[in-house]
């Protein structure tokens, strides 16, 4: 299970680096800071799935969940959200090193 969580953390880190790279390329070409939000990135990749996710959340959970929790996350920069997700997943899969005592073999 730990390996799977670390793999998901790696995928989130790769997505963060890709999003950051795209934002930096756009910033250099526009000569100003350009930061893509997670919602805009999702809308550009798959607009149908964004609409379906919102409808499913409104139907099966609550409309307040989407407005209160998901919408603010979608407004954040994509690279920051993926970096935070990578860190959280890595922390979930982290195991402290075992203490090696004085007489351990």
PDB file of N, CA and C in Angstrom:
ATOM      1  N   UNK A   1       0.822  -1.184   0.000  1.00  0.00           N
ATOM      2  CA  UNK A   1       0.000   0.000   0.000  1.00  0.00           C
ATOM      3  C   UNK A   1       0.870   1.252   0.000  1.00  0.00           C
ATOM      4  N   UNK A   2       1.956   1.207   0.750  1.00  0.00           N
ATOM      5  CA  UNK A   2       2.852   2.355   0.827  1.00  0.00           C
ATOM      6  C   UNK A   2       3.449   2.665  -0.544  1.00  0.00           C
ATOM      7  N   UNK A   3       3.793   1.652  -1.298  1.00  0.00           N
ATOM      8  CA  UNK A   3       4.365   1.859  -2.627  1.00  0.00           C
ATOM      9  C   UNK A   3       3.359   2.508  -3.565  1.00  0.00           C
ATOM     10  N   UNK A   4       2.111   2.109  -3.459  1.00  0.00           N
ATOM     11  CA  UNK A   4       1.062   2.681  -4.303  1.00  0.00           C
ATOM     12  C   UNK A   4       0.854   4.158  -3.980  1.00  0.00           C
ATOM     13  N   UNK A   5       0.858   4.510  -2.701  1.00  0.00           N
ATOM     14  CA  UNK A   5       0.687   5.905  -2.301  1.00  0.00           C
ATOM     15  C   UNK A   5       1.893   6.726  -2.759  1.00  0.00           C
ATOM     16  N   UNK A   6       3.084   6.161  -2.675  1.00  0.00           N
ATOM     17  CA  UNK A   6       4.272   6.865  -3.157  1.00  0.00           C
ATOM     18  C   UNK A   6       4.223   7.038  -4.673  1.00  0.00           C
ATOM     19  N   UNK A   7       3.686   6.059  -5.373  1.00  0.00           N
ATOM     20  CA  UNK A   7       3.535   6.192  -6.821  1.00  0.00           C
ATOM     21  C   UNK A   7       2.544   7.297  -7.164  1.00  0.00           C
ATOM     22  N   UNK A   8       1.427   7.371  -6.435  1.00  0.00           N
ATOM     23  CA  UNK A   8       0.471   8.457  -6.661  1.00  0.00           C
ATOM     24  C   UNK A   8       1.100   9.808  -6.347  1.00  0.00           C
ATOM     25  N   UNK A   9       1.946   9.850  -5.333  1.00  0.00           N
ATOM     26  CA  UNK A   9       2.667  11.071  -5.009  1.00  0.00           C
ATOM     27  C   UNK A   9       3.597  11.467  -6.150  1.00  0.00           C
ATOM     28  N   UNK A  10       4.260  10.502  -6.736  1.00  0.00           N
ATOM     29  CA  UNK A  10       5.130  10.770  -7.881  1.00  0.00           C
ATOM     30  C   UNK A  10       4.336  11.327  -9.054  1.00  0.00           C
ATOM     31  N   UNK A  11       3.171  10.744  -9.330  1.00  0.00           N
ATOM     32  CA  UNK A  11       2.338  11.245 -10.425  1.00  0.00           C
ATOM     33  C   UNK A  11       1.882  12.680 -10.166  1.00  0.00           C
ATOM     34  N   UNK A  12       1.513  12.980  -8.926  1.00  0.00           N
ATOM     35  CA  UNK A  12       1.113  14.342  -8.591  1.00  0.00           C
ATOM     36  C   UNK A  12       2.293  15.301  -8.733  1.00  0.00           C
ATOM     37  N   UNK A  13       3.479  14.859  -8.374  1.00  0.00           N
ATOM     38  CA  UNK A  13       4.669  15.698  -8.515  1.00  0.00           C
ATOM     39  C   UNK A  13       4.982  15.950  -9.989  1.00  0.00           C
ATOM     40  N   UNK A  14       4.829  14.950 -10.819  1.00  0.00           N
ATOM     41  CA  UNK A  14       5.052  15.113 -12.259  1.00  0.00           C
ATOM     42  C   UNK A  14       4.031  16.095 -12.836  1.00  0.00           C
ATOM     43  N   UNK A  15       2.777  15.991 -12.404  1.00  0.00           N
ATOM     44  CA  UNK A  15       1.750  16.928 -12.864  1.00  0.00           C
ATOM     45  C   UNK A  15       2.064  18.349 -12.401  1.00  0.00           C
ATOM     46  N   UNK A  16       2.582  18.500 -11.195  1.00  0.00           N
ATOM     47  CA  UNK A  16       2.943  19.832 -10.680  1.00  0.00           C
ATOM     48  C   UNK A  16       4.084  20.433 -11.492  1.00  0.00           C
ATOM     49  N   UNK A  17       5.079  19.629 -11.798  1.00  0.00           N
ATOM     50  CA  UNK A  17       6.204  20.122 -12.590  1.00  0.00           C
ATOM     51  C   UNK A  17       5.738  20.493 -14.001  1.00  0.00           C
ATOM     52  N   UNK A  18       4.876  19.680 -14.588  1.00  0.00           N
ATOM     53  CA  UNK A  18       4.353  19.979 -15.923  1.00  0.00           C
ATOM     54  C   UNK A  18       3.538  21.274 -15.914  1.00  0.00           C
ATOM     55  N   UNK A  19       2.679  21.440 -14.924  1.00  0.00           N
ATOM     56  CA  UNK A  19       1.866  22.659 -14.838  1.00  0.00           C
ATOM     57  C   UNK A  19       2.740  23.882 -14.598  1.00  0.00           C
ATOM     58  N   UNK A  20       3.723  23.744 -13.742  1.00  0.00           N
ATOM     59  CA  UNK A  20       4.642  24.853 -13.488  1.00  0.00           C
ATOM     60  C   UNK A  20       5.464  25.216 -14.710  1.00  0.00           C
ATOM     61  N   UNK A  21       5.888  24.213 -15.460  1.00  0.00           N
ATOM     62  CA  UNK A  21       6.648  24.457 -16.680  1.00  0.00           C
ATOM     63  C   UNK A  21       5.803  25.180 -17.719  1.00  0.00           C
ATOM     64  N   UNK A  22       4.565  24.728 -17.899  1.00  0.00           N
ATOM     65  CA  UNK A  22       3.680  25.396 -18.852  1.00  0.00           C
ATOM     66  C   UNK A  22       3.410  26.836 -18.434  1.00  0.00           C
ATOM     67  N   UNK A  23       3.195  27.069 -17.141  1.00  0.00           N
ATOM     68  CA  UNK A  23       2.953  28.433 -16.662  1.00  0.00           C
ATOM     69  C   UNK A  23       4.190  29.304 -16.866  1.00  0.00           C
ATOM     70  N   UNK A  24       5.373  28.760 -16.638  1.00  0.00           N
ATOM     71  CA  UNK A  24       6.584  29.556 -16.821  1.00  0.00           C
ATOM     72  C   UNK A  24       6.826  29.874 -18.292  1.00  0.00           C
ATOM     73  N   UNK A  25       6.542  28.939 -19.174  1.00  0.00           N
ATOM     74  CA  UNK A  25       6.687  29.199 -20.609  1.00  0.00           C
ATOM     75  C   UNK A  25       5.707  30.282 -21.050  1.00  0.00           C
ATOM     76  N   UNK A  26       4.466  30.182 -20.580  1.00  0.00           N
ATOM     77  CA  UNK A  26       3.474  31.208 -20.920  1.00  0.00           C
ATOM     78  C   UNK A  26       3.850  32.560 -20.329  1.00  0.00           C
ATOM     79  N   UNK A  27       4.428  32.570 -19.148  1.00  0.00           N
ATOM     80  CA  UNK A  27       4.831  33.821 -18.512  1.00  0.00           C
ATOM     81  C   UNK A  27       5.958  34.498 -19.291  1.00  0.00           C
ATOM     82  N   UNK A  28       6.906  33.717 -19.751  1.00  0.00           N
ATOM     83  CA  UNK A  28       8.010  34.291 -20.517  1.00  0.00           C
ATOM     84  C   UNK A  28       7.510  34.828 -21.851  1.00  0.00           C
ATOM     85  N   UNK A  29       6.631  34.096 -22.499  1.00  0.00           N
ATOM     86  CA  UNK A  29       6.148  34.552 -23.804  1.00  0.00           C
ATOM     87  C   UNK A  29       5.225  35.758 -23.681  1.00  0.00           C
ATOM     88  N   UNK A  30       4.526  35.897 -22.562  1.00  0.00           N
ATOM     89  CA  UNK A  30       3.622  37.030 -22.375  1.00  0.00           C
ATOM     90  C   UNK A  30       4.302  38.207 -21.678  1.00  0.00           C
ATOM     91  N   UNK A  31       5.524  38.027 -21.203  1.00  0.00           N
ATOM     92  CA  UNK A  31       6.277  39.051 -20.462  1.00  0.00           C
ATOM     93  C   UNK A  31       5.545  39.521 -19.213  1.00  0.00           C
ATOM     94  N   UNK A  32       4.738  38.668 -18.656  1.00  0.00           N
ATOM     95  CA  UNK A  32       4.066  38.922 -17.382  1.00  0.00           C
ATOM     96  C   UNK A  32       3.766  37.570 -16.740  1.00  0.00           C
ATOM     97  N   UNK A  33       3.455  37.617 -15.459  1.00  0.00           N
ATOM     98  CA  UNK A  33       3.201  36.369 -14.740  1.00  0.00           C
ATOM     99  C   UNK A  33       1.856  35.787 -15.154  1.00  0.00           C
ATOM    100  N   UNK A  34       1.885  34.546 -15.606  1.00  0.00           N
ATOM    101  CA  UNK A  34       0.675  33.825 -15.995  1.00  0.00           C
ATOM    102  C   UNK A  34       0.589  32.580 -15.129  1.00  0.00           C
ATOM    103  N   UNK A  35      -0.508  32.458 -14.383  1.00  0.00           N
ATOM    104  CA  UNK A  35      -0.715  31.294 -13.526  1.00  0.00           C
ATOM    105  C   UNK A  35      -2.063  30.687 -13.897  1.00  0.00           C
ATOM    106  N   UNK A  36      -2.051  29.413 -14.262  1.00  0.00           N
ATOM    107  CA  UNK A  36      -3.272  28.715 -14.647  1.00  0.00           C
ATOM    108  C   UNK A  36      -3.899  28.073 -13.420  1.00  0.00           C
ATOM    109  N   UNK A  37      -5.179  28.333 -13.205  1.00  0.00           N
ATOM    110  CA  UNK A  37      -5.867  27.711 -12.073  1.00  0.00           C
ATOM    111  C   UNK A  37      -6.176  26.259 -12.411  1.00  0.00           C
ATOM    112  N   UNK A  38      -6.414  25.482 -11.374  1.00  0.00           N
ATOM    113  CA  UNK A  38      -6.737  24.074 -11.580  1.00  0.00           C
ATOM    114  C   UNK A  38      -8.037  23.923 -12.361  1.00  0.00           C
ATOM    115  N   UNK A  39      -8.997  24.788 -12.087  1.00  0.00           N
ATOM    116  CA  UNK A  39     -10.274  24.731 -12.815  1.00  0.00           C
ATOM    117  C   UNK A  39     -10.099  25.007 -14.293  1.00  0.00           C
ATOM    118  N   UNK A  40      -9.287  26.007 -14.635  1.00  0.00           N
ATOM    119  CA  UNK A  40      -9.047  26.302 -16.053  1.00  0.00           C
ATOM    120  C   UNK A  40      -8.285  25.177 -16.732  1.00  0.00           C
ATOM    121  N   UNK A  41      -7.319  24.600 -16.038  1.00  0.00           N
ATOM    122  CA  UNK A  41      -6.575  23.479 -16.618  1.00  0.00           C
ATOM    123  C   UNK A  41      -7.495  22.293 -16.863  1.00  0.00           C
ATOM    124  N   UNK A  42      -8.362  22.003 -15.897  1.00  0.00           N
ATOM    125  CA  UNK A  42      -9.304  20.899 -16.048  1.00  0.00           C
ATOM    126  C   UNK A  42     -10.288  21.202 -17.174  1.00  0.00           C
ATOM    127  N   UNK A  43     -10.726  22.458 -17.263  1.00  0.00           N
ATOM    128  CA  UNK A  43     -11.658  22.849 -18.319  1.00  0.00           C
ATOM    129  C   UNK A  43     -11.017  22.714 -19.695  1.00  0.00           C
ATOM    130  N   UNK A  44      -9.738  23.034 -19.802  1.00  0.00           N
ATOM    131  CA  UNK A  44      -9.044  22.899 -21.085  1.00  0.00           C
ATOM    132  C   UNK A  44      -8.812  21.441 -21.464  1.00  0.00           C
ATOM    133  N   UNK A  45      -8.558  20.577 -20.477  1.00  0.00           N
ATOM    134  CA  UNK A  45      -8.294  19.169 -20.774  1.00  0.00           C
ATOM    135  C   UNK A  45      -9.551  18.375 -21.074  1.00  0.00           C
ATOM    136  N   UNK A  46     -10.589  18.567 -20.237  1.00  0.00           N
ATOM    137  CA  UNK A  46     -11.806  17.779 -20.400  1.00  0.00           C
ATOM    138  C   UNK A  46     -13.001  18.525 -19.821  1.00  0.00           C
ATOM    139  N   UNK A  47     -13.636  19.386 -20.616  1.00  0.00           N
ATOM    140  CA  UNK A  47     -14.754  20.166 -20.082  1.00  0.00           C
ATOM    141  C   UNK A  47     -15.957  19.312 -19.678  1.00  0.00           C
ATOM    142  N   UNK A  48     -16.170  18.201 -20.383  1.00  0.00           N
ATOM    143  CA  UNK A  48     -17.320  17.356 -20.045  1.00  0.00           C
ATOM    144  C   UNK A  48     -17.167  16.735 -18.665  1.00  0.00           C
ATOM    145  N   UNK A  49     -15.966  16.298 -18.333  1.00  0.00           N
ATOM    146  CA  UNK A  49     -15.773  15.644 -17.038  1.00  0.00           C
ATOM    147  C   UNK A  49     -15.914  16.636 -15.880  1.00  0.00           C
ATOM    148  N   UNK A  50     -15.563  17.898 -16.103  1.00  0.00           N
ATOM    149  CA  UNK A  50     -15.758  18.912 -15.069  1.00  0.00           C
ATOM    150  C   UNK A  50     -17.237  19.121 -14.795  1.00  0.00           C
ATOM    151  N   UNK A  51     -18.023  19.179 -15.839  1.00  0.00           N
ATOM    152  CA  UNK A  51     -19.476  19.343 -15.680  1.00  0.00           C
ATOM    153  C   UNK A  51     -20.080  18.115 -15.010  1.00  0.00           C
ATOM    154  N   UNK A  52     -19.638  16.935 -15.414  1.00  0.00           N
ATOM    155  CA  UNK A  52     -20.146  15.696 -14.814  1.00  0.00           C
ATOM    156  C   UNK A  52     -19.772  15.625 -13.334  1.00  0.00           C
ATOM    157  N   UNK A  53     -18.549  16.006 -12.988  1.00  0.00           N
ATOM    158  CA  UNK A  53     -18.128  15.979 -11.584  1.00  0.00           C
ATOM    159  C   UNK A  53     -18.959  16.931 -10.742  1.00  0.00           C
ATOM    160  N   UNK A  54     -19.235  18.113 -11.276  1.00  0.00           N
ATOM    161  CA  UNK A  54     -20.069  19.065 -10.530  1.00  0.00           C
ATOM    162  C   UNK A  54     -21.489  18.545 -10.367  1.00  0.00           C
ATOM    163  N   UNK A  55     -22.051  17.958 -11.420  1.00  0.00           N
ATOM    164  CA  UNK A  55     -23.412  17.414 -11.324  1.00  0.00           C
ATOM    165  C   UNK A  55     -23.465  16.256 -10.340  1.00  0.00           C
ATOM    166  N   UNK A  56     -22.465  15.382 -10.352  1.00  0.00           N
ATOM    167  CA  UNK A  56     -22.439  14.246  -9.431  1.00  0.00           C
ATOM    168  C   UNK A  56     -22.315  14.721  -7.985  1.00  0.00           C
ATOM    169  N   UNK A  57     -21.474  15.711  -7.760  1.00  0.00           N
ATOM    170  CA  UNK A  57     -21.319  16.236  -6.397  1.00  0.00           C
ATOM    171  C   UNK A  57     -22.611  16.893  -5.929  1.00  0.00           C
ATOM    172  N   UNK A  58     -23.261  17.626  -6.809  1.00  0.00           N
ATOM    173  CA  UNK A  58     -24.518  18.272  -6.429  1.00  0.00           C
ATOM    174  C   UNK A  58     -25.635  17.274  -6.200  1.00  0.00           C
ATOM    175  N   UNK A  59     -25.658  16.203  -6.996  1.00  0.00           N
ATOM    176  CA  UNK A  59     -26.735  15.223  -6.896  1.00  0.00           C
ATOM    177  C   UNK A  59     -26.554  14.289  -5.704  1.00  0.00           C
ATOM    178  N   UNK A  60     -25.367  13.717  -5.573  1.00  0.00           N
ATOM    179  CA  UNK A  60     -25.164  12.664  -4.591  1.00  0.00           C
ATOM    180  C   UNK A  60     -24.646  13.143  -3.245  1.00  0.00           C
ATOM    181  N   UNK A  61     -23.993  14.263  -3.197  1.00  0.00           N
ATOM    182  CA  UNK A  61     -23.463  14.729  -1.910  1.00  0.00           C
ATOM    183  C   UNK A  61     -24.265  15.926  -1.438  1.00  0.00           C
ATOM    184  N   UNK A  62     -23.929  17.104  -1.964  1.00  0.00           N
ATOM    185  CA  UNK A  62     -24.645  18.321  -1.589  1.00  0.00           C
ATOM    186  C   UNK A  62     -24.122  19.464  -2.457  1.00  0.00           C
ATOM    187  N   UNK A  63     -24.981  20.375  -2.870  1.00  0.00           N
ATOM    188  CA  UNK A  63     -24.487  21.528  -3.631  1.00  0.00           C
ATOM    189  C   UNK A  63     -23.543  22.407  -2.806  1.00  0.00           C
ATOM    190  N   UNK A  64     -23.715  22.384  -1.489  1.00  0.00           N
ATOM    191  CA  UNK A  64     -22.852  23.192  -0.632  1.00  0.00           C
ATOM    192  C   UNK A  64     -21.416  22.679  -0.638  1.00  0.00           C
ATOM    193  N   UNK A  65     -21.226  21.391  -0.837  1.00  0.00           N
ATOM    194  CA  UNK A  65     -19.875  20.819  -0.874  1.00  0.00           C
ATOM    195  C   UNK A  65     -19.098  21.416  -2.035  1.00  0.00           C
ATOM    196  N   UNK A  66     -19.719  21.488  -3.204  1.00  0.00           N
ATOM    197  CA  UNK A  66     -19.026  22.010  -4.374  1.00  0.00           C
ATOM    198  C   UNK A  66     -18.685  23.480  -4.172  1.00  0.00           C
ATOM    199  N   UNK A  67     -19.651  24.273  -3.717  1.00  0.00           N
ATOM    200  CA  UNK A  67     -19.410  25.705  -3.537  1.00  0.00           C
ATOM    201  C   UNK A  67     -18.441  25.998  -2.402  1.00  0.00           C
ATOM    202  N   UNK A  68     -18.489  25.219  -1.337  1.00  0.00           N
ATOM    203  CA  UNK A  68     -17.684  25.514  -0.153  1.00  0.00           C
ATOM    204  C   UNK A  68     -16.274  24.947  -0.210  1.00  0.00           C
ATOM    205  N   UNK A  69     -16.116  23.775  -0.808  1.00  0.00           N
ATOM    206  CA  UNK A  69     -14.823  23.103  -0.746  1.00  0.00           C
ATOM    207  C   UNK A  69     -14.150  22.935  -2.106  1.00  0.00           C
ATOM    208  N   UNK A  70     -14.877  22.492  -3.094  1.00  0.00           N
ATOM    209  CA  UNK A  70     -14.257  22.169  -4.378  1.00  0.00           C
ATOM    210  C   UNK A  70     -13.966  23.429  -5.195  1.00  0.00           C
ATOM    211  N   UNK A  71     -14.887  24.361  -5.253  1.00  0.00           N
ATOM    212  CA  UNK A  71     -14.688  25.577  -6.046  1.00  0.00           C
ATOM    213  C   UNK A  71     -13.472  26.387  -5.584  1.00  0.00           C
ATOM    214  N   UNK A  72     -13.250  26.575  -4.280  1.00  0.00           N
ATOM    215  CA  UNK A  72     -12.024  27.290  -3.884  1.00  0.00           C
ATOM    216  C   UNK A  72     -10.736  26.552  -4.263  1.00  0.00           C
ATOM    217  N   UNK A  73     -10.759  25.229  -4.239  1.00  0.00           N
ATOM    218  CA  UNK A  73      -9.572  24.465  -4.646  1.00  0.00           C
ATOM    219  C   UNK A  73      -9.344  24.617  -6.147  1.00  0.00           C
ATOM    220  N   UNK A  74     -10.430  24.622  -6.926  1.00  0.00           N
ATOM    221  CA  UNK A  74     -10.302  24.787  -8.374  1.00  0.00           C
ATOM    222  C   UNK A  74      -9.811  26.177  -8.755  1.00  0.00           C
ATOM    223  N   UNK A  75      -9.954  27.137  -7.870  1.00  0.00           N
ATOM    224  CA  UNK A  75      -9.490  28.499  -8.138  1.00  0.00           C
ATOM    225  C   UNK A  75      -8.001  28.675  -7.859  1.00  0.00           C
ATOM    226  N   UNK A  76      -7.375  27.720  -7.191  1.00  0.00           N
ATOM    227  CA  UNK A  76      -5.948  27.812  -6.842  1.00  0.00           C
ATOM    228  C   UNK A  76      -5.086  27.432  -8.052  1.00  0.00           C
ATOM    229  N   UNK A  77      -3.825  27.885  -8.063  1.00  0.00           N
ATOM    230  CA  UNK A  77      -2.928  27.499  -9.165  1.00  0.00           C
ATOM    231  C   UNK A  77      -2.746  25.981  -9.233  1.00  0.00           C
ATOM    232  N   UNK A  78      -2.742  25.471 -10.447  1.00  0.00           N
ATOM    233  CA  UNK A  78      -2.676  24.021 -10.641  1.00  0.00           C
ATOM    234  C   UNK A  78      -1.390  23.441 -10.074  1.00  0.00           C
ATOM    235  N   UNK A  79      -0.261  24.122 -10.280  1.00  0.00           N
ATOM    236  CA  UNK A  79       0.999  23.563  -9.790  1.00  0.00           C
ATOM    237  C   UNK A  79       1.011  23.501  -8.267  1.00  0.00           C
ATOM    238  N   UNK A  80       0.398  24.469  -7.595  1.00  0.00           N
ATOM    239  CA  UNK A  80       0.375  24.477  -6.129  1.00  0.00           C
ATOM    240  C   UNK A  80      -0.510  23.361  -5.584  1.00  0.00           C
ATOM    241  N   UNK A  81      -1.636  23.128  -6.231  1.00  0.00           N
ATOM    242  CA  UNK A  81      -2.536  22.061  -5.781  1.00  0.00           C
ATOM    243  C   UNK A  81      -1.873  20.705  -5.950  1.00  0.00           C
ATOM    244  N   UNK A  82      -1.219  20.494  -7.077  1.00  0.00           N
ATOM    245  CA  UNK A  82      -0.555  19.214  -7.297  1.00  0.00           C
ATOM    246  C   UNK A  82       0.662  19.037  -6.379  1.00  0.00           C
ATOM    247  N   UNK A  83       1.374  20.118  -6.089  1.00  0.00           N
ATOM    248  CA  UNK A  83       2.486  20.015  -5.142  1.00  0.00           C
ATOM    249  C   UNK A  83       1.989  19.658  -3.748  1.00  0.00           C
ATOM    250  N   UNK A  84       0.904  20.291  -3.322  1.00  0.00           N
ATOM    251  CA  UNK A  84       0.335  19.985  -2.007  1.00  0.00           C
ATOM    252  C   UNK A  84      -0.158  18.540  -1.967  1.00  0.00           C
ATOM    253  N   UNK A  85      -0.802  18.094  -3.034  1.00  0.00           N
ATOM    254  CA  UNK A  85      -1.276  16.716  -3.095  1.00  0.00           C
ATOM    255  C   UNK A  85      -0.109  15.732  -3.055  1.00  0.00           C
ATOM    256  N   UNK A  86       0.970  16.040  -3.761  1.00  0.00           N
ATOM    257  CA  UNK A  86       2.150  15.168  -3.744  1.00  0.00           C
ATOM    258  C   UNK A  86       2.737  15.092  -2.337  1.00  0.00           C
ATOM    259  N   UNK A  87       2.808  16.225  -1.654  1.00  0.00           N
ATOM    260  CA  UNK A  87       3.340  16.230  -0.294  1.00  0.00           C
ATOM    261  C   UNK A  87       2.456  15.433   0.654  1.00  0.00           C
ATOM    262  N   UNK A  88       1.158  15.617   0.566  1.00  0.00           N
ATOM    263  CA  UNK A  88       0.234  14.900   1.448  1.00  0.00           C
ATOM    264  C   UNK A  88       0.314  13.393   1.201  1.00  0.00           C
ATOM    265  N   UNK A  89       0.335  12.992  -0.060  1.00  0.00           N
ATOM    266  CA  UNK A  89       0.426  11.561  -0.368  1.00  0.00           C
ATOM    267  C   UNK A  89       1.759  10.977   0.088  1.00  0.00           C
ATOM    268  N   UNK A  90       2.838  11.733  -0.061  1.00  0.00           N
ATOM    269  CA  UNK A  90       4.133  11.244   0.396  1.00  0.00           C
ATOM    270  C   UNK A  90       4.139  11.090   1.913  1.00  0.00           C
ATOM    271  N   UNK A  91       3.532  12.046   2.611  1.00  0.00           N
ATOM    272  CA  UNK A  91       3.477  11.968   4.072  1.00  0.00           C
ATOM    273  C   UNK A  91       2.630  10.784   4.528  1.00  0.00           C
ATOM    274  N   UNK A  92       1.572  10.466   3.797  1.00  0.00           N
ATOM    275  CA  UNK A  92       0.736   9.316   4.146  1.00  0.00           C
ATOM    276  C   UNK A  92       1.544   8.022   4.015  1.00  0.00           C
ATOM    277  N   UNK A  93       2.355   7.929   2.975  1.00  0.00           N
ATOM    278  CA  UNK A  93       3.123   6.711   2.747  1.00  0.00           C
ATOM    279  C   UNK A  93       4.455   6.660   3.471  1.00  0.00           C
ATOM    280  N   UNK A  94       4.810   7.708   4.189  1.00  0.00           N
ATOM    281  CA  UNK A  94       6.108   7.771   4.850  1.00  0.00           C
ATOM    282  C   UNK A  94       6.136   6.883   6.085  1.00  0.00           C
ATOM    283  N   UNK A  95       7.248   6.193   6.268  1.00  0.00           N
ATOM    284  CA  UNK A  95       7.464   5.405   7.474  1.00  0.00           C
ATOM    285  C   UNK A  95       8.783   5.833   8.076  1.00  0.00           C
ATOM    286  N   UNK A  96       8.747   6.161   9.344  1.00  0.00           N
ATOM    287  CA  UNK A  96       9.959   6.590  10.011  1.00  0.00           C
ATOM    288  C   UNK A  96      10.973   5.457  10.008  1.00  0.00           C
ATOM    289  N   UNK A  97      12.255   5.808   9.839  1.00  0.00           N
ATOM    290  CA  UNK A  97      13.277   4.749   9.884  1.00  0.00           C
ATOM    291  C   UNK A  97      13.312   4.100  11.264  1.00  0.00           C
ATOM    292  N   UNK A  98      13.561   2.831  11.260  1.00  0.00           N
ATOM    293  CA  UNK A  98      13.616   2.102  12.519  1.00  0.00           C
ATOM    294  C   UNK A  98      14.841   2.503  13.302  1.00  0.00           C
ATOM    295  N   UNK A  99      14.653   2.569  14.596  1.00  0.00           N
ATOM    296  CA  UNK A  99      15.750   2.933  15.463  1.00  0.00           C
ATOM    297  C   UNK A  99      16.740   1.786  15.539  1.00  0.00           C
ATOM    298  N   UNK A 100      17.970   2.090  15.238  1.00  0.00           N
ATOM    299  CA  UNK A 100      19.014   1.068  15.349  1.00  0.00           C
ATOM    300  C   UNK A 100      19.722   1.280  16.667  1.00  0.00           C
ATOM    301  N   UNK A 101      19.511   0.366  17.569  1.00  0.00           N
ATOM    302  CA  UNK A 101      20.119   0.468  18.893  1.00  0.00           C
ATOM    303  C   UNK A 101      21.613   0.195  18.864  1.00  0.00           C
ATOM    304  N   UNK A 102      22.181   0.255  20.016  1.00  0.00           N
ATOM    305  CA  UNK A 102      23.637   0.088  20.144  1.00  0.00           C
ATOM    306  C   UNK A 102      24.086  -1.303  19.725  1.00  0.00           C
ATOM    307  N   UNK A 103      23.285  -2.309  20.009  1.00  0.00           N
ATOM    308  CA  UNK A 103      23.686  -3.675  19.722  1.00  0.00           C
ATOM    309  C   UNK A 103      22.882  -4.319  18.600  1.00  0.00           C
ATOM    310  N   UNK A 104      22.348  -3.506  17.719  1.00  0.00           N
ATOM    311  CA  UNK A 104      21.559  -4.076  16.649  1.00  0.00           C
ATOM    312  C   UNK A 104      22.476  -4.638  15.556  1.00  0.00           C
ATOM    313  N   UNK A 105      21.983  -5.669  14.894  1.00  0.00           N
ATOM    314  CA  UNK A 105      22.797  -6.310  13.881  1.00  0.00           C
ATOM    315  C   UNK A 105      22.439  -5.815  12.506  1.00  0.00           C
TER     316      UNK A 105
END
